[in-house]
Amino acid sequence: MNTDKIIELAFYTLPALITGGVTYYSFQTFSKNEENRRRFQLLKENQKQSLPLKLQAYERLALLLERINPTKLVIRVAPLGDDKMDYQNLLIHHIEQEYEHNLTQQIYITDECWTMIVTAKNTVIQIIRKTAMTTNVANAEQLREQLLNNVLETESASTIALSYLKNEVKDFL
């Protein structure tokens, strides 16, 4: 009789254990799916809010690269006098001022893109300094002409960085 009671108990317990296991598995799956759904909704909401900020950062950095392009910089910033070193310093000051104004935008873009922008800025400054140091440049007007000629001969670093920035935005969108 004792074995009959054990078998009877097993018949009652076994369906309860199976039902409990299925319920536990279903609850775990439901909880995981619900957590993933919440995470997706949060990510979607964050993207809605951050996308305009990121696009604005890319726009501002594109403007920075356009403004430090030697062709546009020389046209926009006229020399105050005839001294080429004063004009060189004025151009570099404008570049640094533009850069510092957009410094905070780096948090919205990739490190590679920011590196390209910093490299472009430093390269443009280096080109201005190198051109000013040449012996055939005697005054500010000749420095302007020589900078424009240099840009016509080779693609400027700001143009290359702008192209990289545009590609990143295309990949981003």
Protein backbone atom coordinates (compact mmCIF):
# COMPACT_ATOMS: atom_id res chain seq x y z
CA MET A 1 0.00 0.00 0.00
CA ASN A 2 2.80 2.32 0.73
CA THR A 3 4.05 2.06 -2.85
CA ASP A 4 0.53 2.69 -4.14
CA LYS A 5 0.46 5.95 -2.17
CA ILE A 6 3.86 6.97 -3.58
CA ILE A 7 2.74 6.24 -7.15
CA GLU A 8 -0.50 8.12 -6.56
CA LEU A 9 1.47 11.06 -5.13
CA ALA A 10 3.78 10.98 -8.17
CA PHE A 11 0.75 11.09 -10.50
CA TYR A 12 -0.49 14.22 -8.73
CA THR A 13 2.91 15.90 -8.41
CA LEU A 14 4.29 15.22 -11.88
CA PRO A 15 1.64 17.32 -13.75
CA ALA A 16 2.03 20.09 -11.17
CA LEU A 17 5.83 20.12 -11.69
CA ILE A 18 5.47 20.13 -15.48
CA THR A 19 2.90 22.95 -15.32
CA GLY A 20 5.16 24.90 -12.94
CA GLY A 21 8.20 24.42 -15.26
CA VAL A 22 6.28 25.54 -18.33
CA THR A 23 4.91 28.54 -16.43
CA TYR A 24 8.40 29.47 -15.18
CA TYR A 25 9.85 29.18 -18.71
CA SER A 26 7.01 31.24 -20.17
CA PHE A 27 7.40 33.91 -17.49
CA GLN A 28 11.18 34.11 -18.09
CA THR A 29 10.67 34.46 -21.86
CA PHE A 30 7.98 37.09 -21.35
CA SER A 31 10.19 39.05 -18.93
CA LYS A 32 13.15 38.96 -21.33
CA ASN A 33 11.00 40.09 -24.27
CA GLU A 34 9.47 42.87 -22.19
CA GLU A 35 12.91 44.07 -21.09
CA ASN A 36 14.14 44.06 -24.70
CA ARG A 37 11.05 45.99 -25.78
CA ARG A 38 11.60 48.60 -23.09
CA ARG A 39 15.27 48.90 -24.01
CA PHE A 40 14.33 49.32 -27.68
CA GLN A 41 11.76 52.00 -26.85
CA LEU A 42 14.29 53.86 -24.71
CA LEU A 43 16.91 53.67 -27.45
CA LYS A 44 14.38 54.87 -30.01
CA GLU A 45 13.40 57.80 -27.77
CA ASN A 46 17.04 58.71 -27.17
CA GLN A 47 17.73 58.66 -30.90
CA LYS A 48 14.78 60.97 -31.51
CA GLN A 49 16.30 63.45 -29.09
CA SER A 50 19.96 63.02 -30.02
CA LEU A 51 19.64 62.87 -33.81
CA PRO A 52 18.96 66.61 -34.22
CA LEU A 53 21.88 67.42 -31.91
CA LYS A 54 24.23 65.16 -33.86
CA LEU A 55 23.12 66.58 -37.19
CA GLN A 56 23.58 70.10 -35.87
CA ALA A 57 27.10 69.19 -34.74
CA TYR A 58 27.92 67.83 -38.19
CA GLU A 59 26.53 71.01 -39.76
CA ARG A 60 28.59 73.24 -37.50
CA LEU A 61 31.74 71.24 -38.16
CA ALA A 62 31.10 71.40 -41.91
CA LEU A 63 30.83 75.17 -41.53
CA LEU A 64 34.09 75.19 -39.55
CA LEU A 65 35.87 73.28 -42.32
CA GLU A 66 34.46 75.63 -44.95
CA ARG A 67 35.52 78.69 -42.97
CA ILE A 68 39.11 77.47 -42.44
CA ASN A 69 39.50 76.50 -46.10
CA PRO A 70 42.43 78.71 -47.19
CA THR A 71 40.62 79.98 -50.29
CA LYS A 72 37.59 81.17 -48.37
CA LEU A 73 39.65 82.32 -45.40
CA VAL A 74 41.90 84.57 -47.52
CA ILE A 75 38.90 86.07 -49.28
CA ARG A 76 36.98 86.64 -46.04
CA VAL A 77 39.89 87.98 -43.96
CA ALA A 78 41.62 90.94 -45.56
CA PRO A 79 45.03 92.06 -44.32
CA LEU A 80 45.05 95.00 -41.95
CA GLY A 81 48.46 96.17 -43.10
CA ASP A 82 51.30 95.24 -45.40
CA ASP A 83 53.28 93.01 -43.00
CA LYS A 84 53.03 89.35 -43.97
CA MET A 85 53.65 88.11 -40.41
CA ASP A 86 50.80 90.22 -39.06
CA TYR A 87 48.53 88.80 -41.76
CA GLN A 88 49.73 85.27 -41.01
CA ASN A 89 48.92 85.76 -37.33
CA LEU A 90 45.53 87.23 -38.20
CA LEU A 91 44.65 84.20 -40.37
CA ILE A 92 45.80 81.77 -37.69
CA HIS A 93 43.85 83.70 -35.07
CA HIS A 94 40.67 83.37 -37.16
CA ILE A 95 41.25 79.63 -37.57
CA GLU A 96 41.84 79.12 -33.85
CA GLN A 97 38.81 81.22 -33.00
CA GLU A 98 36.57 79.14 -35.30
CA TYR A 99 38.01 75.94 -33.86
CA GLU A 100 37.50 76.99 -30.24
CA HIS A 101 33.94 78.07 -31.02
CA ASN A 102 33.14 74.52 -32.23
CA LEU A 103 35.26 72.57 -29.76
CA THR A 104 32.29 71.13 -27.88
CA GLN A 105 30.89 69.49 -31.00
CA GLN A 106 33.40 66.67 -30.68
CA ILE A 107 31.15 64.85 -28.21
CA TYR A 108 28.59 64.22 -30.96
CA ILE A 109 30.92 62.78 -33.60
CA THR A 110 33.30 59.84 -33.85
CA ASP A 111 36.90 60.08 -32.72
CA GLU A 112 38.13 59.43 -36.25
CA CYS A 113 36.13 62.31 -37.62
CA TRP A 114 37.31 64.66 -34.88
CA THR A 115 40.90 63.63 -35.59
CA MET A 116 40.39 64.48 -39.25
CA ILE A 117 39.07 67.93 -38.32
CA VAL A 118 41.94 68.68 -35.95
CA THR A 119 44.42 67.45 -38.55
CA ALA A 120 42.83 69.67 -41.20
CA LYS A 121 43.03 72.69 -38.90
CA ASN A 122 46.68 72.04 -38.04
CA THR A 123 47.57 71.40 -41.68
CA VAL A 124 46.00 74.67 -42.81
CA ILE A 125 47.89 76.55 -40.10
CA GLN A 126 51.10 74.82 -41.13
CA ILE A 127 50.55 75.72 -44.79
CA ILE A 128 49.98 79.37 -43.86
CA ARG A 129 53.16 79.45 -41.77
CA LYS A 130 55.20 77.64 -44.41
CA THR A 131 53.98 79.95 -47.16
CA ALA A 132 54.74 83.03 -45.08
CA MET A 133 58.29 81.81 -44.50
CA THR A 134 59.14 81.52 -48.20
CA THR A 135 61.48 84.18 -49.54
CA ASN A 136 59.39 85.12 -52.57
CA VAL A 137 56.56 86.33 -50.29
CA ALA A 138 57.40 89.86 -49.20
CA ASN A 139 54.09 91.33 -48.03
CA ALA A 140 50.55 90.41 -47.01
CA GLU A 141 49.15 90.71 -50.53
CA GLN A 142 51.74 88.31 -51.90
CA LEU A 143 50.96 85.92 -49.06
CA ARG A 144 47.30 85.98 -50.09
CA GLU A 145 48.20 85.29 -53.70
CA GLN A 146 50.59 82.48 -52.81
CA LEU A 147 48.02 80.81 -50.53
CA LEU A 148 45.44 80.92 -53.32
CA ASN A 149 47.96 79.44 -55.76
CA ASN A 150 48.81 76.64 -53.30
CA VAL A 151 45.16 75.71 -52.98
CA LEU A 152 44.75 75.65 -56.76
CA GLU A 153 47.69 73.24 -57.08
CA THR A 154 46.66 70.79 -54.34
CA GLU A 155 43.46 69.83 -52.58
CA SER A 156 43.21 71.55 -49.22
CA ALA A 157 43.14 69.56 -45.99
CA SER A 158 39.82 71.11 -45.04
CA THR A 159 38.25 69.81 -48.26
CA ILE A 160 39.51 66.30 -47.53
CA ALA A 161 38.17 66.47 -43.96
CA LEU A 162 34.85 67.81 -45.24
CA SER A 163 34.58 64.87 -47.61
CA TYR A 164 35.23 62.49 -44.70
CA LEU A 165 32.60 64.31 -42.63
CA LYS A 166 30.02 63.98 -45.40
CA ASN A 167 30.70 60.26 -45.74
CA GLU A 168 30.29 59.79 -42.01
CA VAL A 169 26.94 61.57 -42.08
CA LYS A 170 25.80 59.34 -44.95
CA ASP A 171 26.80 56.26 -42.96
CA PHE A 172 25.16 57.70 -39.86
CA LEU A 173 21.83 58.30 -41.57
